[in-house]
Amino acid sequence: MKAGSAQKFTLWQDIGLLVGRVLMGWIFVESGWRKLTGMDAFIASLVNRRVPYATMLGWIGAPVDGIAFAANAALVDWKIVPRVSVPK
């Protein structure tokens, strides 16, 4: 395949890629939402894992997770990242 050329997929491959992308997105959204709405439980899980400075890192880590999700969504929406899994 030449550099810069788009790869062609069959309809079932496109559907499979779309389903995979939606499921991965759901995992990240659900995880980030649970961290932001259940900050005490998230910090307690960090304490149980013996993370140093768990309270401080919990309050830093949860918003960073949300920012990373928003940045990824913006990159796809702004077409910086190609939408290869959406059937045409």
C-alpha atoms as a PDB file:
ATOM      1  CA  MET A   1       0.000   0.000   0.000  1.00  0.00           C
ATOM      2  CA  LYS A   2       1.325   3.442  -0.895  1.00  0.00           C
ATOM      3  CA  ALA A   3       1.937   5.997   1.801  1.00  0.00           C
ATOM      4  CA  GLY A   4      -1.010   8.329   2.276  1.00  0.00           C
ATOM      5  CA  SER A   5      -3.538   6.113   0.517  1.00  0.00           C
ATOM      6  CA  ALA A   6      -6.763   5.247   2.311  1.00  0.00           C
ATOM      7  CA  GLN A   7      -7.371   1.598   3.106  1.00  0.00           C
ATOM      8  CA  LYS A   8     -10.608   0.144   1.761  1.00  0.00           C
ATOM      9  CA  PHE A   9     -12.740  -2.030   4.036  1.00  0.00           C
ATOM     10  CA  THR A  10     -15.762  -4.190   3.322  1.00  0.00           C
ATOM     11  CA  LEU A  11     -19.126  -3.230   4.818  1.00  0.00           C
ATOM     12  CA  TRP A  12     -18.806  -5.812   7.612  1.00  0.00           C
ATOM     13  CA  GLN A  13     -15.315  -4.606   8.452  1.00  0.00           C
ATOM     14  CA  ASP A  14     -16.604  -1.033   8.615  1.00  0.00           C
ATOM     15  CA  ILE A  15     -19.451  -2.099  10.895  1.00  0.00           C
ATOM     16  CA  GLY A  16     -17.070  -4.077  13.099  1.00  0.00           C
ATOM     17  CA  LEU A  17     -14.711  -1.113  13.394  1.00  0.00           C
ATOM     18  CA  LEU A  18     -17.592   1.211  14.203  1.00  0.00           C
ATOM     19  CA  VAL A  19     -18.935  -1.116  16.909  1.00  0.00           C
ATOM     20  CA  GLY A  20     -15.435  -1.460  18.372  1.00  0.00           C
ATOM     21  CA  ARG A  21     -14.913   2.290  18.423  1.00  0.00           C
ATOM     22  CA  VAL A  22     -18.288   2.906  20.084  1.00  0.00           C
ATOM     23  CA  LEU A  23     -17.621   0.242  22.739  1.00  0.00           C
ATOM     24  CA  MET A  24     -14.160   1.621  23.511  1.00  0.00           C
ATOM     25  CA  GLY A  25     -15.604   5.120  23.739  1.00  0.00           C
ATOM     26  CA  TRP A  26     -18.321   3.895  26.104  1.00  0.00           C
ATOM     27  CA  ILE A  27     -15.696   2.280  28.356  1.00  0.00           C
ATOM     28  CA  PHE A  28     -13.764   5.543  28.646  1.00  0.00           C
ATOM     29  CA  VAL A  29     -16.864   7.701  29.140  1.00  0.00           C
ATOM     30  CA  GLU A  30     -18.264   5.391  31.819  1.00  0.00           C
ATOM     31  CA  SER A  31     -14.922   5.200  33.616  1.00  0.00           C
ATOM     32  CA  GLY A  32     -14.377   8.952  33.595  1.00  0.00           C
ATOM     33  CA  TRP A  33     -17.948   9.692  34.674  1.00  0.00           C
ATOM     34  CA  ARG A  34     -17.668   7.242  37.572  1.00  0.00           C
ATOM     35  CA  LYS A  35     -14.451   8.929  38.715  1.00  0.00           C
ATOM     36  CA  LEU A  36     -15.919  12.421  38.561  1.00  0.00           C
ATOM     37  CA  THR A  37     -19.224  11.584  40.257  1.00  0.00           C
ATOM     38  CA  GLY A  38     -17.767   9.203  42.844  1.00  0.00           C
ATOM     39  CA  MET A  39     -14.591  11.014  43.834  1.00  0.00           C
ATOM     40  CA  ASP A  40     -14.557   9.514  47.357  1.00  0.00           C
ATOM     41  CA  ALA A  41     -14.720   5.957  46.012  1.00  0.00           C
ATOM     42  CA  PHE A  42     -12.026   6.733  43.430  1.00  0.00           C
ATOM     43  CA  ILE A  43      -9.702   8.165  46.076  1.00  0.00           C
ATOM     44  CA  ALA A  44     -10.435   5.192  48.382  1.00  0.00           C
ATOM     45  CA  SER A  45      -9.452   2.822  45.553  1.00  0.00           C
ATOM     46  CA  LEU A  46      -6.172   4.716  45.159  1.00  0.00           C
ATOM     47  CA  VAL A  47      -5.552   4.458  48.924  1.00  0.00           C
ATOM     48  CA  ASN A  48      -6.259   0.696  48.825  1.00  0.00           C
ATOM     49  CA  ARG A  49      -3.688   0.357  46.033  1.00  0.00           C
ATOM     50  CA  ARG A  50      -1.197   2.230  48.235  1.00  0.00           C
ATOM     51  CA  VAL A  51      -0.770   5.100  45.784  1.00  0.00           C
ATOM     52  CA  PRO A  52       1.282   7.850  47.442  1.00  0.00           C
ATOM     53  CA  TYR A  53      -0.557  11.184  47.840  1.00  0.00           C
ATOM     54  CA  ALA A  54      -3.785   9.436  46.827  1.00  0.00           C
ATOM     55  CA  THR A  55      -6.088  12.340  47.704  1.00  0.00           C
ATOM     56  CA  MET A  56      -4.081  14.899  45.766  1.00  0.00           C
ATOM     57  CA  LEU A  57      -3.556  12.601  42.786  1.00  0.00           C
ATOM     58  CA  GLY A  58      -7.223  11.605  42.796  1.00  0.00           C
ATOM     59  CA  TRP A  59      -8.310  15.225  42.485  1.00  0.00           C
ATOM     60  CA  ILE A  60      -5.781  15.735  39.695  1.00  0.00           C
ATOM     61  CA  GLY A  61      -6.330  12.435  37.877  1.00  0.00           C
ATOM     62  CA  ALA A  62     -10.107  12.494  37.507  1.00  0.00           C
ATOM     63  CA  PRO A  63     -10.311  15.884  35.750  1.00  0.00           C
ATOM     64  CA  VAL A  64      -7.334  14.967  33.556  1.00  0.00           C
ATOM     65  CA  ASP A  65      -9.242  11.857  32.485  1.00  0.00           C
ATOM     66  CA  GLY A  66     -12.206  14.057  31.570  1.00  0.00           C
ATOM     67  CA  ILE A  67      -9.991  16.506  29.678  1.00  0.00           C
ATOM     68  CA  ALA A  68      -8.371  13.644  27.744  1.00  0.00           C
ATOM     69  CA  PHE A  69     -11.814  12.359  26.739  1.00  0.00           C
ATOM     70  CA  ALA A  70     -12.918  15.822  25.620  1.00  0.00           C
ATOM     71  CA  ALA A  71      -9.704  16.325  23.672  1.00  0.00           C
ATOM     72  CA  ASN A  72     -10.107  13.009  21.856  1.00  0.00           C
ATOM     73  CA  ALA A  73     -13.718  13.822  21.004  1.00  0.00           C
ATOM     74  CA  ALA A  74     -12.684  17.248  19.723  1.00  0.00           C
ATOM     75  CA  LEU A  75      -9.907  15.800  17.563  1.00  0.00           C
ATOM     76  CA  VAL A  76     -12.332  13.414  15.893  1.00  0.00           C
ATOM     77  CA  ASP A  77     -14.984  16.129  15.523  1.00  0.00           C
ATOM     78  CA  TRP A  78     -12.491  18.592  14.029  1.00  0.00           C
ATOM     79  CA  LYS A  79     -11.404  15.887  11.552  1.00  0.00           C
ATOM     80  CA  ILE A  80      -7.799  15.969  12.732  1.00  0.00           C
ATOM     81  CA  VAL A  81      -8.130  12.232  13.306  1.00  0.00           C
ATOM     82  CA  PRO A  82      -9.774  10.552  10.289  1.00  0.00           C
ATOM     83  CA  ARG A  83     -13.047   8.713  10.838  1.00  0.00           C
ATOM     84  CA  VAL A  84     -11.973   5.432   9.312  1.00  0.00           C
ATOM     85  CA  SER A  85     -14.643   3.312  10.958  1.00  0.00           C
ATOM     86  CA  VAL A  86     -17.755   5.169   9.834  1.00  0.00           C
ATOM     87  CA  PRO A  87     -19.340   3.410   6.827  1.00  0.00           C
ATOM     88  CA  LYS A  88     -19.835   5.605   3.801  1.00  0.00           C
END
